Amino acid sequence: MKKVLFIGERFLLRLPSVFLVISFVFLLLHILPGDPVELLLGEASEPSQVISLKESLGFNKSLAEQYLRFWEQLIRKGGGDSLIWNRPAGALIVERLIITCELALPAFVLASFFSVFLALLSLYFRHTWLEIIISTLSYVGRLVPVYCLAPALIYFFSYRLGWFPISGRGAGLSAVLPIVTLVLLCIGPLVKSIRAALLEHFSEDFVRTARAKGLSEMRVLCIHVLQTSWFPILNALLGLLGALLGGLLVLESIFDWPGLGSLVLTAFQTRDYILIQSFVVWSALVHIFTAVLIEVIASQLDPRLQLKEGY
């Protein structure tokens, strides 16, 4: 029961910020120039058609009435129907999210493994050429944007060597290049964060004591230093997972992957208010879930946090 109360309290504490973000996006979408009804009907549409569609969608009402209608649809229907696809926005997001997970989840697992491994390796070979190489590659990886890395990989592995499809989601190896691109993009920031977390405890007394007892350096790193640094590492990994599940807009556009990112990009291009607002709600929920999950795991692994919170 105490755990349920703890989780519920953490969710409630974040609801006001989510409410403000959703409200801000709603106002921003209605202030920006452009008419989604005209985009739907085209330039050759009759004025009577425009008026009729605006009435059916509620766009002829005041901003306050539209705002209340938005929250009503969000609570009762999960956001309402998309203006472009004429389907429930929530169902569209779930459908495309599953496709995005085909890239995001394997990339997350691989990036997490290689990042922890490289961070440990750089500390094990500290002050050597291998540490310099890992640190340099991590730094370069943080600088290279997706719109440079992805086309380079497509040109070399798809166009020149013909190993993988250039774009699209199909059978076979179509997901390999997008996953590799994601892993390479994620490793740089993760290695930096994990290495910094490990360095905080690298020279502490209990680590020197473990070395004095004759334990190997790798055993000291993996057992003592890594276990002590779990919280910032967990924070970085779950933060990455939340970002990946929030949509891979640029990458999916480059690889023509029909996931959540490409769906949101189309929604912005067509001013699909309903779908954009539903996506903002989804992103806010992912943020809340990730933050609460980190706190729950932390409270279970660190008894001091349980005592501090009274749970």
C-alpha atoms as a PDB file:
ATOM      1  CA  MET A   1       0.000   0.000   0.000  1.00  0.00           C
ATOM      2  CA  LYS A   2       2.851   2.367   0.838  1.00  0.00           C
ATOM      3  CA  LYS A   3       4.405   1.755  -2.571  1.00  0.00           C
ATOM      4  CA  VAL A   4       1.117   2.612  -4.299  1.00  0.00           C
ATOM      5  CA  LEU A   5       0.863   5.824  -2.295  1.00  0.00           C
ATOM      6  CA  PHE A   6       4.463   6.679  -3.156  1.00  0.00           C
ATOM      7  CA  ILE A   7       3.881   6.178  -6.890  1.00  0.00           C
ATOM      8  CA  GLY A   8       0.575   8.066  -6.787  1.00  0.00           C
ATOM      9  CA  GLU A   9       2.177  10.988  -4.987  1.00  0.00           C
ATOM     10  CA  ARG A  10       4.943  11.219  -7.568  1.00  0.00           C
ATOM     11  CA  PHE A  11       2.441  11.238 -10.420  1.00  0.00           C
ATOM     12  CA  LEU A  12       0.312  13.913  -8.767  1.00  0.00           C
ATOM     13  CA  LEU A  13       3.320  16.152  -8.160  1.00  0.00           C
ATOM     14  CA  ARG A  14       4.043  16.217 -11.890  1.00  0.00           C
ATOM     15  CA  LEU A  15       0.515  16.708 -13.172  1.00  0.00           C
ATOM     16  CA  PRO A  16       0.555  20.557 -12.885  1.00  0.00           C
ATOM     17  CA  SER A  17       3.607  20.833 -15.135  1.00  0.00           C
ATOM     18  CA  VAL A  18       2.014  18.476 -17.661  1.00  0.00           C
ATOM     19  CA  PHE A  19      -1.170  20.546 -17.595  1.00  0.00           C
ATOM     20  CA  LEU A  20       0.805  23.734 -18.294  1.00  0.00           C
ATOM     21  CA  VAL A  21       2.764  22.171 -21.168  1.00  0.00           C
ATOM     22  CA  ILE A  22      -0.369  20.818 -22.859  1.00  0.00           C
ATOM     23  CA  SER A  23      -2.172  24.149 -22.438  1.00  0.00           C
ATOM     24  CA  PHE A  24       0.813  26.042 -23.867  1.00  0.00           C
ATOM     25  CA  VAL A  25       0.961  23.797 -26.946  1.00  0.00           C
ATOM     26  CA  PHE A  26      -2.786  24.186 -27.469  1.00  0.00           C
ATOM     27  CA  LEU A  27      -2.512  27.987 -27.417  1.00  0.00           C
ATOM     28  CA  LEU A  28       0.582  27.975 -29.612  1.00  0.00           C
ATOM     29  CA  LEU A  29      -1.078  25.841 -32.295  1.00  0.00           C
ATOM     30  CA  HIS A  30      -4.081  28.161 -32.422  1.00  0.00           C
ATOM     31  CA  ILE A  31      -1.993  31.339 -32.499  1.00  0.00           C
ATOM     32  CA  LEU A  32       0.300  30.268 -35.344  1.00  0.00           C
ATOM     33  CA  PRO A  33      -0.816  31.295 -38.860  1.00  0.00           C
ATOM     34  CA  GLY A  34      -2.433  28.725 -41.121  1.00  0.00           C
ATOM     35  CA  ASP A  35      -5.805  27.081 -41.359  1.00  0.00           C
ATOM     36  CA  PRO A  36      -5.986  23.272 -41.092  1.00  0.00           C
ATOM     37  CA  VAL A  37      -9.444  23.270 -42.690  1.00  0.00           C
ATOM     38  CA  GLU A  38      -8.108  24.908 -45.840  1.00  0.00           C
ATOM     39  CA  LEU A  39      -5.270  22.389 -45.924  1.00  0.00           C
ATOM     40  CA  LEU A  40      -7.787  19.563 -45.653  1.00  0.00           C
ATOM     41  CA  LEU A  41     -10.121  20.821 -48.371  1.00  0.00           C
ATOM     42  CA  GLY A  42      -7.548  22.382 -50.686  1.00  0.00           C
ATOM     43  CA  GLU A  43      -7.390  25.795 -52.321  1.00  0.00           C
ATOM     44  CA  ALA A  44     -10.277  25.037 -54.684  1.00  0.00           C
ATOM     45  CA  SER A  45     -12.769  24.461 -51.882  1.00  0.00           C
ATOM     46  CA  GLU A  46     -15.966  26.452 -51.666  1.00  0.00           C
ATOM     47  CA  PRO A  47     -16.460  28.900 -48.756  1.00  0.00           C
ATOM     48  CA  SER A  48     -19.567  26.993 -47.737  1.00  0.00           C
ATOM     49  CA  GLN A  49     -17.520  23.797 -47.413  1.00  0.00           C
ATOM     50  CA  VAL A  50     -14.947  25.571 -45.248  1.00  0.00           C
ATOM     51  CA  ILE A  51     -17.644  26.990 -42.968  1.00  0.00           C
ATOM     52  CA  SER A  52     -19.412  23.634 -42.693  1.00  0.00           C
ATOM     53  CA  LEU A  53     -16.220  21.763 -41.790  1.00  0.00           C
ATOM     54  CA  LYS A  54     -15.214  24.395 -39.238  1.00  0.00           C
ATOM     55  CA  GLU A  55     -18.606  24.046 -37.578  1.00  0.00           C
ATOM     56  CA  SER A  56     -18.340  20.270 -37.435  1.00  0.00           C
ATOM     57  CA  LEU A  57     -14.861  20.471 -35.924  1.00  0.00           C
ATOM     58  CA  GLY A  58     -15.764  23.283 -33.546  1.00  0.00           C
ATOM     59  CA  PHE A  59     -13.221  25.724 -35.046  1.00  0.00           C
ATOM     60  CA  ASN A  60     -15.862  28.437 -35.363  1.00  0.00           C
ATOM     61  CA  LYS A  61     -16.157  28.697 -31.582  1.00  0.00           C
ATOM     62  CA  SER A  62     -14.123  30.920 -29.300  1.00  0.00           C
ATOM     63  CA  LEU A  63     -10.659  29.869 -28.137  1.00  0.00           C
ATOM     64  CA  ALA A  64     -11.953  29.222 -24.615  1.00  0.00           C
ATOM     65  CA  GLU A  65     -14.716  26.951 -25.903  1.00  0.00           C
ATOM     66  CA  GLN A  66     -12.250  25.066 -28.098  1.00  0.00           C
ATOM     67  CA  TYR A  67      -9.950  24.656 -25.093  1.00  0.00           C
ATOM     68  CA  LEU A  68     -12.724  23.146 -22.977  1.00  0.00           C
ATOM     69  CA  ARG A  69     -13.784  20.936 -25.881  1.00  0.00           C
ATOM     70  CA  PHE A  70     -10.189  19.729 -26.239  1.00  0.00           C
ATOM     71  CA  TRP A  71     -10.022  18.592 -22.595  1.00  0.00           C
ATOM     72  CA  GLU A  72     -13.429  16.940 -22.898  1.00  0.00           C
ATOM     73  CA  GLN A  73     -12.290  14.958 -25.942  1.00  0.00           C
ATOM     74  CA  LEU A  74      -9.019  14.104 -24.244  1.00  0.00           C
ATOM     75  CA  ILE A  75     -10.752  12.691 -21.175  1.00  0.00           C
ATOM     76  CA  ARG A  76     -13.666  10.961 -22.924  1.00  0.00           C
ATOM     77  CA  LYS A  77     -12.163   9.894 -26.271  1.00  0.00           C
ATOM     78  CA  GLY A  78      -8.402   9.974 -25.715  1.00  0.00           C
ATOM     79  CA  GLY A  79      -7.920  13.138 -27.776  1.00  0.00           C
ATOM     80  CA  GLY A  80     -10.535  12.860 -30.507  1.00  0.00           C
ATOM     81  CA  ASP A  81     -10.199  11.931 -34.179  1.00  0.00           C
ATOM     82  CA  SER A  82      -7.266  12.995 -36.335  1.00  0.00           C
ATOM     83  CA  LEU A  83      -8.182  15.651 -38.907  1.00  0.00           C
ATOM     84  CA  ILE A  84      -6.148  13.987 -41.659  1.00  0.00           C
ATOM     85  CA  TRP A  85      -6.628  10.263 -41.039  1.00  0.00           C
ATOM     86  CA  ASN A  86     -10.129  10.537 -39.555  1.00  0.00           C
ATOM     87  CA  ARG A  87      -9.211   7.952 -36.933  1.00  0.00           C
ATOM     88  CA  PRO A  88      -8.800   8.180 -33.144  1.00  0.00           C
ATOM     89  CA  ALA A  89      -5.532   9.984 -32.473  1.00  0.00           C
ATOM     90  CA  GLY A  90      -4.720   7.708 -29.534  1.00  0.00           C
ATOM     91  CA  ALA A  91      -5.051   4.591 -31.677  1.00  0.00           C
ATOM     92  CA  LEU A  92      -2.805   6.123 -34.353  1.00  0.00           C
ATOM     93  CA  ILE A  93      -0.122   6.953 -31.801  1.00  0.00           C
ATOM     94  CA  VAL A  94      -0.167   3.432 -30.325  1.00  0.00           C
ATOM     95  CA  GLU A  95      -0.069   1.877 -33.800  1.00  0.00           C
ATOM     96  CA  ARG A  96       2.934   3.959 -34.893  1.00  0.00           C
ATOM     97  CA  LEU A  97       4.629   3.630 -31.508  1.00  0.00           C
ATOM     98  CA  ILE A  98       4.817  -0.136 -31.979  1.00  0.00           C
ATOM     99  CA  ILE A  99       6.637   0.456 -35.270  1.00  0.00           C
ATOM    100  CA  THR A 100       8.991   2.947 -33.609  1.00  0.00           C
ATOM    101  CA  CYS A 101       9.755   0.381 -30.894  1.00  0.00           C
ATOM    102  CA  GLU A 102      11.147  -1.912 -33.586  1.00  0.00           C
ATOM    103  CA  LEU A 103      14.026   0.568 -33.790  1.00  0.00           C
ATOM    104  CA  ALA A 104      14.028   2.140 -30.331  1.00  0.00           C
ATOM    105  CA  LEU A 105      14.157  -0.965 -28.120  1.00  0.00           C
ATOM    106  CA  PRO A 106      17.010  -2.822 -29.894  1.00  0.00           C
ATOM    107  CA  ALA A 107      18.940   0.457 -30.152  1.00  0.00           C
ATOM    108  CA  PHE A 108      18.412   1.115 -26.443  1.00  0.00           C
ATOM    109  CA  VAL A 109      19.663  -2.339 -25.405  1.00  0.00           C
ATOM    110  CA  LEU A 110      22.728  -2.197 -27.676  1.00  0.00           C
ATOM    111  CA  ALA A 111      23.599   1.402 -26.807  1.00  0.00           C
ATOM    112  CA  SER A 112      23.279   0.688 -23.075  1.00  0.00           C
ATOM    113  CA  PHE A 113      25.519  -2.378 -23.246  1.00  0.00           C
ATOM    114  CA  PHE A 114      28.245  -0.806 -25.376  1.00  0.00           C
ATOM    115  CA  SER A 115      28.184   2.459 -23.416  1.00  0.00           C
ATOM    116  CA  VAL A 116      28.702   0.746 -20.045  1.00  0.00           C
ATOM    117  CA  PHE A 117      31.374  -1.494 -21.573  1.00  0.00           C
ATOM    118  CA  LEU A 118      33.285   1.398 -23.177  1.00  0.00           C
ATOM    119  CA  ALA A 119      33.037   3.536 -20.040  1.00  0.00           C
ATOM    120  CA  LEU A 120      34.477   0.710 -17.922  1.00  0.00           C
ATOM    121  CA  LEU A 121      37.128   0.002 -20.540  1.00  0.00           C
ATOM    122  CA  SER A 122      38.249   3.638 -20.650  1.00  0.00           C
ATOM    123  CA  LEU A 123      38.701   3.652 -16.860  1.00  0.00           C
ATOM    124  CA  TYR A 124      40.440   0.284 -16.818  1.00  0.00           C
ATOM    125  CA  PHE A 125      42.984   1.588 -19.344  1.00  0.00           C
ATOM    126  CA  ARG A 126      43.101   5.050 -17.814  1.00  0.00           C
ATOM    127  CA  HIS A 127      45.933   7.348 -18.987  1.00  0.00           C
ATOM    128  CA  THR A 128      46.579   5.149 -22.029  1.00  0.00           C
ATOM    129  CA  TRP A 129      46.016   5.544 -25.749  1.00  0.00           C
ATOM    130  CA  LEU A 130      42.826   3.434 -25.520  1.00  0.00           C
ATOM    131  CA  GLU A 131      41.233   5.909 -23.098  1.00  0.00           C
ATOM    132  CA  ILE A 132      42.131   8.748 -25.465  1.00  0.00           C
ATOM    133  CA  ILE A 133      40.529   6.928 -28.407  1.00  0.00           C
ATOM    134  CA  ILE A 134      37.309   6.164 -26.488  1.00  0.00           C
ATOM    135  CA  SER A 135      37.047   9.715 -25.134  1.00  0.00           C
ATOM    136  CA  THR A 136      37.702  11.190 -28.593  1.00  0.00           C
ATOM    137  CA  LEU A 137      35.118   8.966 -30.277  1.00  0.00           C
ATOM    138  CA  SER A 138      32.607   9.800 -27.539  1.00  0.00           C
ATOM    139  CA  TYR A 139      33.225  13.511 -28.075  1.00  0.00           C
ATOM    140  CA  VAL A 140      32.911  13.216 -31.857  1.00  0.00           C
ATOM    141  CA  GLY A 141      29.744  11.130 -31.468  1.00  0.00           C
ATOM    142  CA  ARG A 142      28.112  13.927 -29.494  1.00  0.00           C
ATOM    143  CA  LEU A 143      28.877  16.414 -32.275  1.00  0.00           C
ATOM    144  CA  VAL A 144      27.685  14.470 -35.331  1.00  0.00           C
ATOM    145  CA  PRO A 145      23.980  15.128 -36.034  1.00  0.00           C
ATOM    146  CA  VAL A 146      21.616  12.478 -37.314  1.00  0.00           C
ATOM    147  CA  TYR A 147      21.117  14.251 -40.654  1.00  0.00           C
ATOM    148  CA  CYS A 148      24.850  13.836 -41.354  1.00  0.00           C
ATOM    149  CA  LEU A 149      25.440  10.351 -39.955  1.00  0.00           C
ATOM    150  CA  ALA A 150      22.367   8.660 -41.456  1.00  0.00           C
ATOM    151  CA  PRO A 151      22.963   9.755 -45.093  1.00  0.00           C
ATOM    152  CA  ALA A 152      26.641   8.781 -44.783  1.00  0.00           C
ATOM    153  CA  LEU A 153      25.718   5.277 -43.629  1.00  0.00           C
ATOM    154  CA  ILE A 154      23.076   4.973 -46.354  1.00  0.00           C
ATOM    155  CA  TYR A 155      25.552   6.024 -49.039  1.00  0.00           C
ATOM    156  CA  PHE A 156      28.285   3.647 -47.928  1.00  0.00           C
ATOM    157  CA  PHE A 157      26.379   0.529 -46.841  1.00  0.00           C
ATOM    158  CA  SER A 158      23.317   0.760 -49.104  1.00  0.00           C
ATOM    159  CA  TYR A 159      24.353   2.635 -52.235  1.00  0.00           C
ATOM    160  CA  ARG A 160      28.005   1.568 -52.552  1.00  0.00           C
ATOM    161  CA  LEU A 161      28.011  -1.895 -50.953  1.00  0.00           C
ATOM    162  CA  GLY A 162      24.339  -2.788 -51.387  1.00  0.00           C
ATOM    163  CA  TRP A 163      24.163  -4.611 -48.065  1.00  0.00           C
ATOM    164  CA  PHE A 164      20.982  -3.011 -46.750  1.00  0.00           C
ATOM    165  CA  PRO A 165      17.841  -1.376 -48.204  1.00  0.00           C
ATOM    166  CA  ILE A 166      18.147   2.378 -48.666  1.00  0.00           C
ATOM    167  CA  SER A 167      14.912   3.178 -46.883  1.00  0.00           C
ATOM    168  CA  GLY A 168      11.490   1.863 -45.960  1.00  0.00           C
ATOM    169  CA  ARG A 169      10.183  -0.757 -43.577  1.00  0.00           C
ATOM    170  CA  GLY A 170      10.092  -4.211 -45.031  1.00  0.00           C
ATOM    171  CA  ALA A 171      11.293  -7.736 -44.543  1.00  0.00           C
ATOM    172  CA  GLY A 172      14.905  -8.644 -44.062  1.00  0.00           C
ATOM    173  CA  LEU A 173      17.524  -6.123 -42.992  1.00  0.00           C
ATOM    174  CA  SER A 174      15.582  -2.885 -43.427  1.00  0.00           C
ATOM    175  CA  ALA A 175      15.852  -2.041 -39.717  1.00  0.00           C
ATOM    176  CA  VAL A 176      19.614  -2.595 -39.416  1.00  0.00           C
ATOM    177  CA  LEU A 177      20.842   0.798 -40.632  1.00  0.00           C
ATOM    178  CA  PRO A 178      18.340   2.849 -38.590  1.00  0.00           C
ATOM    179  CA  ILE A 179      19.239   0.844 -35.464  1.00  0.00           C
ATOM    180  CA  VAL A 180      22.981   1.231 -36.094  1.00  0.00           C
ATOM    181  CA  THR A 181      22.497   4.966 -36.609  1.00  0.00           C
ATOM    182  CA  LEU A 182      20.596   5.258 -33.334  1.00  0.00           C
ATOM    183  CA  VAL A 183      23.209   3.250 -31.436  1.00  0.00           C
ATOM    184  CA  LEU A 184      26.055   5.407 -32.756  1.00  0.00           C
ATOM    185  CA  LEU A 185      24.164   8.580 -31.889  1.00  0.00           C
ATOM    186  CA  CYS A 186      23.361   7.403 -28.355  1.00  0.00           C
ATOM    187  CA  ILE A 187      26.740   5.936 -27.404  1.00  0.00           C
ATOM    188  CA  GLY A 188      28.588   9.266 -27.328  1.00  0.00           C
ATOM    189  CA  PRO A 189      26.400  11.040 -24.726  1.00  0.00           C
ATOM    190  CA  LEU A 190      25.909   7.830 -22.724  1.00  0.00           C
ATOM    191  CA  VAL A 191      29.620   7.043 -22.464  1.00  0.00           C
ATOM    192  CA  LYS A 192      30.258  10.587 -21.243  1.00  0.00           C
ATOM    193  CA  SER A 193      27.504  10.388 -18.593  1.00  0.00           C
ATOM    194  CA  ILE A 194      28.412   6.882 -17.399  1.00  0.00           C
ATOM    195  CA  ARG A 195      32.132   7.623 -17.304  1.00  0.00           C
ATOM    196  CA  ALA A 196      31.530  10.808 -15.302  1.00  0.00           C
ATOM    197  CA  ALA A 197      29.363   8.846 -12.833  1.00  0.00           C
ATOM    198  CA  LEU A 198      32.067   6.201 -12.414  1.00  0.00           C
ATOM    199  CA  LEU A 199      34.811   8.788 -11.954  1.00  0.00           C
ATOM    200  CA  GLU A 200      32.973  10.310  -8.987  1.00  0.00           C
ATOM    201  CA  HIS A 201      33.681   7.159  -6.956  1.00  0.00           C
ATOM    202  CA  PHE A 202      36.875   6.051  -8.671  1.00  0.00           C
ATOM    203  CA  SER A 203      39.243   7.369  -5.986  1.00  0.00           C
ATOM    204  CA  GLU A 204      37.128   7.072  -2.841  1.00  0.00           C
ATOM    205  CA  ASP A 205      38.323   5.297   0.282  1.00  0.00           C
ATOM    206  CA  PHE A 206      36.333   2.088  -0.164  1.00  0.00           C
ATOM    207  CA  VAL A 207      37.740   1.731  -3.711  1.00  0.00           C
ATOM    208  CA  ARG A 208      41.325   2.150  -2.472  1.00  0.00           C
ATOM    209  CA  THR A 209      40.593  -0.365   0.276  1.00  0.00           C
ATOM    210  CA  ALA A 210      39.348  -2.883  -2.307  1.00  0.00           C
ATOM    211  CA  ARG A 211      42.543  -2.414  -4.318  1.00  0.00           C
ATOM    212  CA  ALA A 212      44.650  -2.798  -1.169  1.00  0.00           C
ATOM    213  CA  LYS A 213      42.983  -6.164  -0.513  1.00  0.00           C
ATOM    214  CA  GLY A 214      44.377  -7.399  -3.820  1.00  0.00           C
ATOM    215  CA  LEU A 215      41.256  -7.308  -5.996  1.00  0.00           C
ATOM    216  CA  SER A 216      41.865  -6.899  -9.702  1.00  0.00           C
ATOM    217  CA  GLU A 217      41.159  -3.501 -11.238  1.00  0.00           C
ATOM    218  CA  MET A 218      38.325  -4.842 -13.399  1.00  0.00           C
ATOM    219  CA  ARG A 219      36.727  -6.496 -10.360  1.00  0.00           C
ATOM    220  CA  VAL A 220      36.992  -3.224  -8.441  1.00  0.00           C
ATOM    221  CA  LEU A 221      35.368  -1.339 -11.317  1.00  0.00           C
ATOM    222  CA  CYS A 222      32.549  -3.811 -11.963  1.00  0.00           C
ATOM    223  CA  ILE A 223      31.652  -4.637  -8.361  1.00  0.00           C
ATOM    224  CA  HIS A 224      32.507  -1.625  -6.246  1.00  0.00           C
ATOM    225  CA  VAL A 225      32.567   1.424  -8.526  1.00  0.00           C
ATOM    226  CA  LEU A 226      29.755   0.387 -10.877  1.00  0.00           C
ATOM    227  CA  GLN A 227      27.387  -0.657  -8.085  1.00  0.00           C
ATOM    228  CA  THR A 228      27.970   2.608  -6.239  1.00  0.00           C
ATOM    229  CA  SER A 229      27.329   4.687  -9.381  1.00  0.00           C
ATOM    230  CA  TRP A 230      24.090   2.991 -10.370  1.00  0.00           C
ATOM    231  CA  PHE A 231      21.753   5.954  -9.782  1.00  0.00           C
ATOM    232  CA  PRO A 232      23.181   8.479 -12.317  1.00  0.00           C
ATOM    233  CA  ILE A 233      23.701   5.620 -14.780  1.00  0.00           C
ATOM    234  CA  LEU A 234      20.089   4.497 -14.366  1.00  0.00           C
ATOM    235  CA  ASN A 235      18.971   8.100 -14.769  1.00  0.00           C
ATOM    236  CA  ALA A 236      20.874   8.431 -18.040  1.00  0.00           C
ATOM    237  CA  LEU A 237      19.634   5.095 -19.438  1.00  0.00           C
ATOM    238  CA  LEU A 238      15.962   5.617 -18.596  1.00  0.00           C
ATOM    239  CA  GLY A 239      16.170   9.206 -19.850  1.00  0.00           C
ATOM    240  CA  LEU A 240      17.432   7.842 -23.165  1.00  0.00           C
ATOM    241  CA  LEU A 241      14.608   5.281 -23.283  1.00  0.00           C
ATOM    242  CA  GLY A 242      12.032   8.033 -22.710  1.00  0.00           C
ATOM    243  CA  ALA A 243      13.552  10.122 -25.493  1.00  0.00           C
ATOM    244  CA  LEU A 244      13.501   7.176 -27.910  1.00  0.00           C
ATOM    245  CA  LEU A 245       9.869   6.339 -27.129  1.00  0.00           C
ATOM    246  CA  GLY A 246       8.949   9.995 -27.614  1.00  0.00           C
ATOM    247  CA  GLY A 247       9.504   9.646 -31.336  1.00  0.00           C
ATOM    248  CA  LEU A 248      12.441   9.632 -33.767  1.00  0.00           C
ATOM    249  CA  LEU A 249      11.263  12.406 -36.041  1.00  0.00           C
ATOM    250  CA  VAL A 250      14.399  13.157 -38.100  1.00  0.00           C
ATOM    251  CA  LEU A 251      15.703   9.593 -38.297  1.00  0.00           C
ATOM    252  CA  GLU A 252      12.359   8.138 -39.375  1.00  0.00           C
ATOM    253  CA  SER A 253      12.049  10.841 -42.022  1.00  0.00           C
ATOM    254  CA  ILE A 254      15.491  10.020 -43.458  1.00  0.00           C
ATOM    255  CA  PHE A 255      14.896   6.257 -43.530  1.00  0.00           C
ATOM    256  CA  ASP A 256      11.222   6.583 -44.524  1.00  0.00           C
ATOM    257  CA  TRP A 257      10.266   4.557 -41.450  1.00  0.00           C
ATOM    258  CA  PRO A 258       6.488   4.791 -40.780  1.00  0.00           C
ATOM    259  CA  GLY A 259       6.798   5.238 -37.019  1.00  0.00           C
ATOM    260  CA  LEU A 260       5.656   7.806 -34.496  1.00  0.00           C
ATOM    261  CA  GLY A 261       8.168  10.421 -35.633  1.00  0.00           C
ATOM    262  CA  SER A 262       6.994  10.419 -39.246  1.00  0.00           C
ATOM    263  CA  LEU A 263       3.387  10.550 -38.054  1.00  0.00           C
ATOM    264  CA  VAL A 264       4.085  13.649 -35.948  1.00  0.00           C
ATOM    265  CA  LEU A 265       5.998  15.307 -38.782  1.00  0.00           C
ATOM    266  CA  THR A 266       3.013  14.839 -41.085  1.00  0.00           C
ATOM    267  CA  ALA A 267       0.727  16.189 -38.361  1.00  0.00           C
ATOM    268  CA  PHE A 268       2.814  19.368 -38.093  1.00  0.00           C
ATOM    269  CA  GLN A 269       2.939  19.803 -41.865  1.00  0.00           C
ATOM    270  CA  THR A 270      -0.846  19.515 -42.140  1.00  0.00           C
ATOM    271  CA  ARG A 271      -1.623  21.385 -38.901  1.00  0.00           C
ATOM    272  CA  ASP A 272      -3.476  18.393 -37.487  1.00  0.00           C
ATOM    273  CA  TYR A 273      -4.265  19.981 -34.112  1.00  0.00           C
ATOM    274  CA  ILE A 274      -5.872  16.903 -32.621  1.00  0.00           C
ATOM    275  CA  LEU A 275      -2.978  14.592 -33.412  1.00  0.00           C
ATOM    276  CA  ILE A 276      -0.307  17.073 -32.306  1.00  0.00           C
ATOM    277  CA  GLN A 277      -2.059  17.667 -29.000  1.00  0.00           C
ATOM    278  CA  SER A 278      -2.445  13.933 -28.442  1.00  0.00           C
ATOM    279  CA  PHE A 279       1.255  13.463 -29.149  1.00  0.00           C
ATOM    280  CA  VAL A 280       2.122  16.153 -26.588  1.00  0.00           C
ATOM    281  CA  VAL A 281      -0.008  14.305 -24.042  1.00  0.00           C
ATOM    282  CA  TRP A 282       1.803  11.058 -24.878  1.00  0.00           C
ATOM    283  CA  SER A 283       5.235  12.726 -24.563  1.00  0.00           C
ATOM    284  CA  ALA A 284       4.251  14.209 -21.194  1.00  0.00           C
ATOM    285  CA  LEU A 285       3.076  10.806 -19.957  1.00  0.00           C
ATOM    286  CA  VAL A 286       6.343   9.196 -21.062  1.00  0.00           C
ATOM    287  CA  HIS A 287       8.259  11.888 -19.193  1.00  0.00           C
ATOM    288  CA  ILE A 288       6.209  11.328 -16.039  1.00  0.00           C
ATOM    289  CA  PHE A 289       6.490   7.546 -16.247  1.00  0.00           C
ATOM    290  CA  THR A 290      10.265   7.688 -16.747  1.00  0.00           C
ATOM    291  CA  ALA A 291      10.788  10.098 -13.850  1.00  0.00           C
ATOM    292  CA  VAL A 292       8.546   8.112 -11.496  1.00  0.00           C
ATOM    293  CA  LEU A 293      10.169   4.831 -12.529  1.00  0.00           C
ATOM    294  CA  ILE A 294      13.601   6.234 -11.670  1.00  0.00           C
ATOM    295  CA  GLU A 295      12.380   7.370  -8.255  1.00  0.00           C
ATOM    296  CA  VAL A 296      10.640   4.051  -7.535  1.00  0.00           C
ATOM    297  CA  ILE A 297      13.715   1.996  -8.447  1.00  0.00           C
ATOM    298  CA  ALA A 298      15.920   4.368  -6.453  1.00  0.00           C
ATOM    299  CA  SER A 299      13.693   4.077  -3.385  1.00  0.00           C
ATOM    300  CA  GLN A 300      13.785   0.283  -3.577  1.00  0.00           C
ATOM    301  CA  LEU A 301      17.539   0.033  -4.025  1.00  0.00           C
ATOM    302  CA  ASP A 302      18.513   2.739  -1.539  1.00  0.00           C
ATOM    303  CA  PRO A 303      16.871   2.357   1.911  1.00  0.00           C
ATOM    304  CA  ARG A 304      17.965   5.891   2.847  1.00  0.00           C
ATOM    305  CA  LEU A 305      15.528   7.324   0.314  1.00  0.00           C
ATOM    306  CA  GLN A 306      12.679   5.276   1.804  1.00  0.00           C
ATOM    307  CA  LEU A 307      13.398   6.661   5.243  1.00  0.00           C
ATOM    308  CA  LYS A 308      13.649  10.196   3.901  1.00  0.00           C
ATOM    309  CA  GLU A 309      10.277   9.984   2.138  1.00  0.00           C
ATOM    310  CA  GLY A 310       8.605   8.168   5.019  1.00  0.00           C
ATOM    311  CA  TYR A 311       7.774   5.067   2.953  1.00  0.00           C
END
